[in-house]
Amino acid sequence: MRSSPRLNDCKNKPRITRIIVELLYKDLTGKILGAAMEVYRELGCGFLEALYQEAFEHELKLNRINFVPQKPRRVAYKDIILRHPYIPDLIVEGKVVVDLKAIREIGAIEEAQMFNYLKITLIPVGLIINFAGRSLEWKRLVLSEAPPVGLKNPRNPRFQTRQQQSL
């Protein structure tokens, strides 16, 4: 007599295929977050963003991680370059935009800002790091699509203003 299959029988379990996607700049973002955790361990919460920025820059230097702090980036709007630049907190090794915060929590507004920063810089990975909570909070965002024309970097050879396109 044939017995009915048991629920624990491996043959009856649905097969699950695991797809592992390697994170873009995984090692670098890990080092950046490690530096942020060290700053948080030393300082805790309750300070202004500028103080965390200074301590974080020092921690990156101690870890021999190359970065450019607060370098202005121009933003295009239709056929002009806006006077007021976007100034990222840090660009690490030319691969990751880091936005430091000292706010209650990272929300949709901060995420939207980071996506715009990634579009402007043409850098695909961004980290929002918040020092204001009971523990360090961070979000990793990846730009997966091409930016709209108005947000392209004017130094990029693909950038054209409407005036240039009509020539």
C-alpha atoms as a PDB file:
ATOM      1  CA  MET A   1       0.000   0.000   0.000  1.00  0.00           C
ATOM      2  CA  ARG A   2       1.321   3.345  -0.990  1.00  0.00           C
ATOM      3  CA  SER A   3       1.549   5.945   1.749  1.00  0.00           C
ATOM      4  CA  SER A   4       0.645   9.548   1.195  1.00  0.00           C
ATOM      5  CA  PRO A   5       3.582  11.941   0.981  1.00  0.00           C
ATOM      6  CA  ARG A   6       4.592  13.555   4.227  1.00  0.00           C
ATOM      7  CA  LEU A   7       4.709  17.297   4.564  1.00  0.00           C
ATOM      8  CA  ASN A   8       8.356  17.131   5.596  1.00  0.00           C
ATOM      9  CA  ASP A   9       9.326  15.105   2.562  1.00  0.00           C
ATOM     10  CA  CYS A  10      11.924  17.068   0.581  1.00  0.00           C
ATOM     11  CA  LYS A  11      10.403  15.991  -2.707  1.00  0.00           C
ATOM     12  CA  ASN A  12       7.188  17.798  -1.870  1.00  0.00           C
ATOM     13  CA  LYS A  13       8.788  21.100  -0.881  1.00  0.00           C
ATOM     14  CA  PRO A  14       8.749  23.805  -3.520  1.00  0.00           C
ATOM     15  CA  ARG A  15      12.152  24.550  -4.895  1.00  0.00           C
ATOM     16  CA  ILE A  16      13.427  27.972  -4.039  1.00  0.00           C
ATOM     17  CA  THR A  17      16.099  29.381  -6.263  1.00  0.00           C
ATOM     18  CA  ARG A  18      18.325  31.869  -4.490  1.00  0.00           C
ATOM     19  CA  ILE A  19      19.661  34.702  -6.561  1.00  0.00           C
ATOM     20  CA  ILE A  20      22.500  36.536  -4.908  1.00  0.00           C
ATOM     21  CA  VAL A  21      23.128  39.996  -6.245  1.00  0.00           C
ATOM     22  CA  GLU A  22      26.469  41.501  -5.378  1.00  0.00           C
ATOM     23  CA  LEU A  23      26.034  44.984  -3.939  1.00  0.00           C
ATOM     24  CA  LEU A  24      27.682  47.728  -5.948  1.00  0.00           C
ATOM     25  CA  TYR A  25      30.721  49.023  -3.995  1.00  0.00           C
ATOM     26  CA  LYS A  26      29.879  46.661  -1.123  1.00  0.00           C
ATOM     27  CA  ASP A  27      33.355  46.807   0.465  1.00  0.00           C
ATOM     28  CA  LEU A  28      33.602  50.581   0.202  1.00  0.00           C
ATOM     29  CA  THR A  29      30.144  51.202   1.668  1.00  0.00           C
ATOM     30  CA  GLY A  30      31.008  48.770   4.459  1.00  0.00           C
ATOM     31  CA  LYS A  31      34.131  50.786   5.301  1.00  0.00           C
ATOM     32  CA  ILE A  32      32.164  54.050   5.204  1.00  0.00           C
ATOM     33  CA  LEU A  33      29.526  52.652   7.547  1.00  0.00           C
ATOM     34  CA  GLY A  34      32.241  51.286   9.838  1.00  0.00           C
ATOM     35  CA  ALA A  35      33.712  54.779  10.108  1.00  0.00           C
ATOM     36  CA  ALA A  36      30.258  56.204  10.868  1.00  0.00           C
ATOM     37  CA  MET A  37      29.715  53.591  13.581  1.00  0.00           C
ATOM     38  CA  GLU A  38      33.019  54.538  15.193  1.00  0.00           C
ATOM     39  CA  VAL A  39      32.002  58.212  15.229  1.00  0.00           C
ATOM     40  CA  TYR A  40      28.664  57.278  16.765  1.00  0.00           C
ATOM     41  CA  ARG A  41      30.352  55.091  19.415  1.00  0.00           C
ATOM     42  CA  GLU A  42      32.610  57.989  20.409  1.00  0.00           C
ATOM     43  CA  LEU A  43      30.132  60.875  20.253  1.00  0.00           C
ATOM     44  CA  GLY A  44      26.683  59.335  20.589  1.00  0.00           C
ATOM     45  CA  CYS A  45      23.650  61.385  19.592  1.00  0.00           C
ATOM     46  CA  GLY A  46      22.702  64.987  20.297  1.00  0.00           C
ATOM     47  CA  PHE A  47      25.234  67.068  18.379  1.00  0.00           C
ATOM     48  CA  LEU A  48      24.782  69.234  15.303  1.00  0.00           C
ATOM     49  CA  GLU A  49      25.486  67.833  11.848  1.00  0.00           C
ATOM     50  CA  ALA A  50      28.629  69.969  11.392  1.00  0.00           C
ATOM     51  CA  LEU A  51      30.312  68.295  14.360  1.00  0.00           C
ATOM     52  CA  TYR A  52      29.551  64.828  12.989  1.00  0.00           C
ATOM     53  CA  GLN A  53      30.844  65.933   9.589  1.00  0.00           C
ATOM     54  CA  GLU A  54      34.191  66.974  11.063  1.00  0.00           C
ATOM     55  CA  ALA A  55      34.542  63.796  13.155  1.00  0.00           C
ATOM     56  CA  PHE A  56      33.476  61.602  10.221  1.00  0.00           C
ATOM     57  CA  GLU A  57      36.028  63.218   7.894  1.00  0.00           C
ATOM     58  CA  HIS A  58      38.722  62.596  10.507  1.00  0.00           C
ATOM     59  CA  GLU A  59      37.662  58.946  10.833  1.00  0.00           C
ATOM     60  CA  LEU A  60      37.797  58.491   7.043  1.00  0.00           C
ATOM     61  CA  LYS A  61      41.338  59.930   7.030  1.00  0.00           C
ATOM     62  CA  LEU A  62      42.374  57.560   9.842  1.00  0.00           C
ATOM     63  CA  ASN A  63      41.070  54.671   7.726  1.00  0.00           C
ATOM     64  CA  ARG A  64      42.822  55.958   4.584  1.00  0.00           C
ATOM     65  CA  ILE A  65      39.552  56.343   2.707  1.00  0.00           C
ATOM     66  CA  ASN A  66      39.758  59.051   0.043  1.00  0.00           C
ATOM     67  CA  PHE A  67      36.962  61.605  -0.065  1.00  0.00           C
ATOM     68  CA  VAL A  68      36.109  65.094  -1.254  1.00  0.00           C
ATOM     69  CA  PRO A  69      34.129  67.158   1.260  1.00  0.00           C
ATOM     70  CA  GLN A  70      31.493  69.689   0.239  1.00  0.00           C
ATOM     71  CA  LYS A  71      32.558  70.245  -3.359  1.00  0.00           C
ATOM     72  CA  PRO A  72      29.892  72.346  -5.147  1.00  0.00           C
ATOM     73  CA  ARG A  73      28.149  70.752  -8.132  1.00  0.00           C
ATOM     74  CA  ARG A  74      26.305  72.854 -10.694  1.00  0.00           C
ATOM     75  CA  VAL A  75      22.706  72.006 -11.568  1.00  0.00           C
ATOM     76  CA  ALA A  76      21.170  72.504 -15.005  1.00  0.00           C
ATOM     77  CA  TYR A  77      17.628  73.786 -15.445  1.00  0.00           C
ATOM     78  CA  LYS A  78      16.279  73.889 -19.008  1.00  0.00           C
ATOM     79  CA  ASP A  79      18.833  75.999 -20.898  1.00  0.00           C
ATOM     80  CA  ILE A  80      20.717  77.499 -17.921  1.00  0.00           C
ATOM     81  CA  ILE A  81      23.055  76.455 -15.156  1.00  0.00           C
ATOM     82  CA  LEU A  82      21.590  77.511 -11.804  1.00  0.00           C
ATOM     83  CA  ARG A  83      23.637  79.903  -9.633  1.00  0.00           C
ATOM     84  CA  HIS A  84      23.060  77.943  -6.457  1.00  0.00           C
ATOM     85  CA  PRO A  85      25.012  74.685  -6.528  1.00  0.00           C
ATOM     86  CA  TYR A  86      24.251  71.416  -4.820  1.00  0.00           C
ATOM     87  CA  ILE A  87      26.930  70.771  -2.203  1.00  0.00           C
ATOM     88  CA  PRO A  88      27.168  67.108  -1.162  1.00  0.00           C
ATOM     89  CA  ASP A  89      28.486  66.416   2.335  1.00  0.00           C
ATOM     90  CA  LEU A  90      31.058  63.983   0.936  1.00  0.00           C
ATOM     91  CA  ILE A  91      31.884  62.082  -2.195  1.00  0.00           C
ATOM     92  CA  VAL A  92      33.923  59.024  -1.259  1.00  0.00           C
ATOM     93  CA  GLU A  93      36.449  57.682  -3.761  1.00  0.00           C
ATOM     94  CA  GLY A  94      34.339  59.171  -6.563  1.00  0.00           C
ATOM     95  CA  LYS A  95      31.901  56.255  -6.124  1.00  0.00           C
ATOM     96  CA  VAL A  96      29.568  57.002  -3.196  1.00  0.00           C
ATOM     97  CA  VAL A  97      27.673  60.174  -2.243  1.00  0.00           C
ATOM     98  CA  VAL A  98      27.357  60.467   1.553  1.00  0.00           C
ATOM     99  CA  ASP A  99      24.716  62.679   3.146  1.00  0.00           C
ATOM    100  CA  LEU A 100      25.132  63.113   6.901  1.00  0.00           C
ATOM    101  CA  LYS A 101      22.101  63.919   9.040  1.00  0.00           C
ATOM    102  CA  ALA A 102      21.282  64.741  12.650  1.00  0.00           C
ATOM    103  CA  ILE A 103      17.488  64.441  12.442  1.00  0.00           C
ATOM    104  CA  ARG A 104      14.742  62.409  14.123  1.00  0.00           C
ATOM    105  CA  GLU A 105      14.631  59.792  11.355  1.00  0.00           C
ATOM    106  CA  ILE A 106      15.443  59.302   7.684  1.00  0.00           C
ATOM    107  CA  GLY A 107      12.240  59.698   5.693  1.00  0.00           C
ATOM    108  CA  ALA A 108      10.933  59.939   2.159  1.00  0.00           C
ATOM    109  CA  ILE A 109      12.162  63.535   1.762  1.00  0.00           C
ATOM    110  CA  GLU A 110      15.767  62.594   2.560  1.00  0.00           C
ATOM    111  CA  GLU A 111      15.546  59.631   0.191  1.00  0.00           C
ATOM    112  CA  ALA A 112      14.170  61.833  -2.612  1.00  0.00           C
ATOM    113  CA  GLN A 113      16.971  64.350  -2.019  1.00  0.00           C
ATOM    114  CA  MET A 114      19.575  61.583  -2.244  1.00  0.00           C
ATOM    115  CA  PHE A 115      18.136  60.300  -5.524  1.00  0.00           C
ATOM    116  CA  ASN A 116      18.425  63.846  -6.911  1.00  0.00           C
ATOM    117  CA  TYR A 117      22.026  64.051  -5.643  1.00  0.00           C
ATOM    118  CA  LEU A 118      22.834  60.791  -7.412  1.00  0.00           C
ATOM    119  CA  LYS A 119      21.279  62.084 -10.636  1.00  0.00           C
ATOM    120  CA  ILE A 120      23.230  65.350 -10.448  1.00  0.00           C
ATOM    121  CA  THR A 121      26.591  63.719  -9.732  1.00  0.00           C
ATOM    122  CA  LEU A 122      26.032  60.676 -11.979  1.00  0.00           C
ATOM    123  CA  ILE A 123      27.297  58.563  -9.064  1.00  0.00           C
ATOM    124  CA  PRO A 124      25.171  55.422  -8.650  1.00  0.00           C
ATOM    125  CA  VAL A 125      25.422  54.761  -4.883  1.00  0.00           C
ATOM    126  CA  GLY A 126      24.382  56.985  -1.993  1.00  0.00           C
ATOM    127  CA  LEU A 127      24.422  56.611   1.776  1.00  0.00           C
ATOM    128  CA  ILE A 128      22.267  58.658   4.120  1.00  0.00           C
ATOM    129  CA  ILE A 129      23.737  58.416   7.622  1.00  0.00           C
ATOM    130  CA  ASN A 130      21.780  59.736  10.599  1.00  0.00           C
ATOM    131  CA  PHE A 131      23.509  60.280  13.948  1.00  0.00           C
ATOM    132  CA  ALA A 132      20.501  61.609  15.911  1.00  0.00           C
ATOM    133  CA  GLY A 133      18.825  58.380  17.006  1.00  0.00           C
ATOM    134  CA  ARG A 134      19.395  55.941  19.846  1.00  0.00           C
ATOM    135  CA  SER A 135      21.484  53.984  17.369  1.00  0.00           C
ATOM    136  CA  LEU A 136      23.129  54.883  14.084  1.00  0.00           C
ATOM    137  CA  GLU A 137      20.576  54.871  11.261  1.00  0.00           C
ATOM    138  CA  TRP A 138      21.540  54.567   7.613  1.00  0.00           C
ATOM    139  CA  LYS A 139      20.016  53.925   4.214  1.00  0.00           C
ATOM    140  CA  ARG A 140      21.829  52.798   1.088  1.00  0.00           C
ATOM    141  CA  LEU A 141      20.286  53.935  -2.189  1.00  0.00           C
ATOM    142  CA  VAL A 142      21.255  52.954  -5.717  1.00  0.00           C
ATOM    143  CA  LEU A 143      20.369  54.879  -8.855  1.00  0.00           C
ATOM    144  CA  SER A 144      19.159  52.361 -11.384  1.00  0.00           C
ATOM    145  CA  GLU A 145      18.012  54.566 -14.233  1.00  0.00           C
ATOM    146  CA  ALA A 146      19.437  57.385 -16.329  1.00  0.00           C
ATOM    147  CA  PRO A 147      18.807  60.895 -14.987  1.00  0.00           C
ATOM    148  CA  PRO A 148      16.531  63.320 -16.820  1.00  0.00           C
ATOM    149  CA  VAL A 149      18.273  65.794 -19.117  1.00  0.00           C
ATOM    150  CA  GLY A 150      17.900  68.757 -16.732  1.00  0.00           C
ATOM    151  CA  LEU A 151      19.828  66.980 -13.995  1.00  0.00           C
ATOM    152  CA  LYS A 152      22.766  65.763 -16.034  1.00  0.00           C
ATOM    153  CA  ASN A 153      26.168  67.031 -15.080  1.00  0.00           C
ATOM    154  CA  PRO A 154      27.334  69.768 -17.506  1.00  0.00           C
ATOM    155  CA  ARG A 155      30.882  68.362 -17.383  1.00  0.00           C
ATOM    156  CA  ASN A 156      29.605  65.076 -18.775  1.00  0.00           C
ATOM    157  CA  PRO A 157      30.045  64.959 -22.593  1.00  0.00           C
ATOM    158  CA  ARG A 158      26.447  63.697 -22.954  1.00  0.00           C
ATOM    159  CA  PHE A 159      25.109  66.880 -21.336  1.00  0.00           C
ATOM    160  CA  GLN A 160      23.511  69.344 -23.765  1.00  0.00           C
ATOM    161  CA  THR A 161      21.381  72.352 -23.053  1.00  0.00           C
ATOM    162  CA  ARG A 162      18.360  72.992 -25.259  1.00  0.00           C
ATOM    163  CA  GLN A 163      20.274  75.806 -26.955  1.00  0.00           C
ATOM    164  CA  GLN A 164      23.102  73.402 -27.889  1.00  0.00           C
ATOM    165  CA  GLN A 165      20.626  70.811 -29.159  1.00  0.00           C
ATOM    166  CA  SER A 166      19.069  73.276 -31.596  1.00  0.00           C
ATOM    167  CA  LEU A 167      22.405  74.132 -33.239  1.00  0.00           C
END
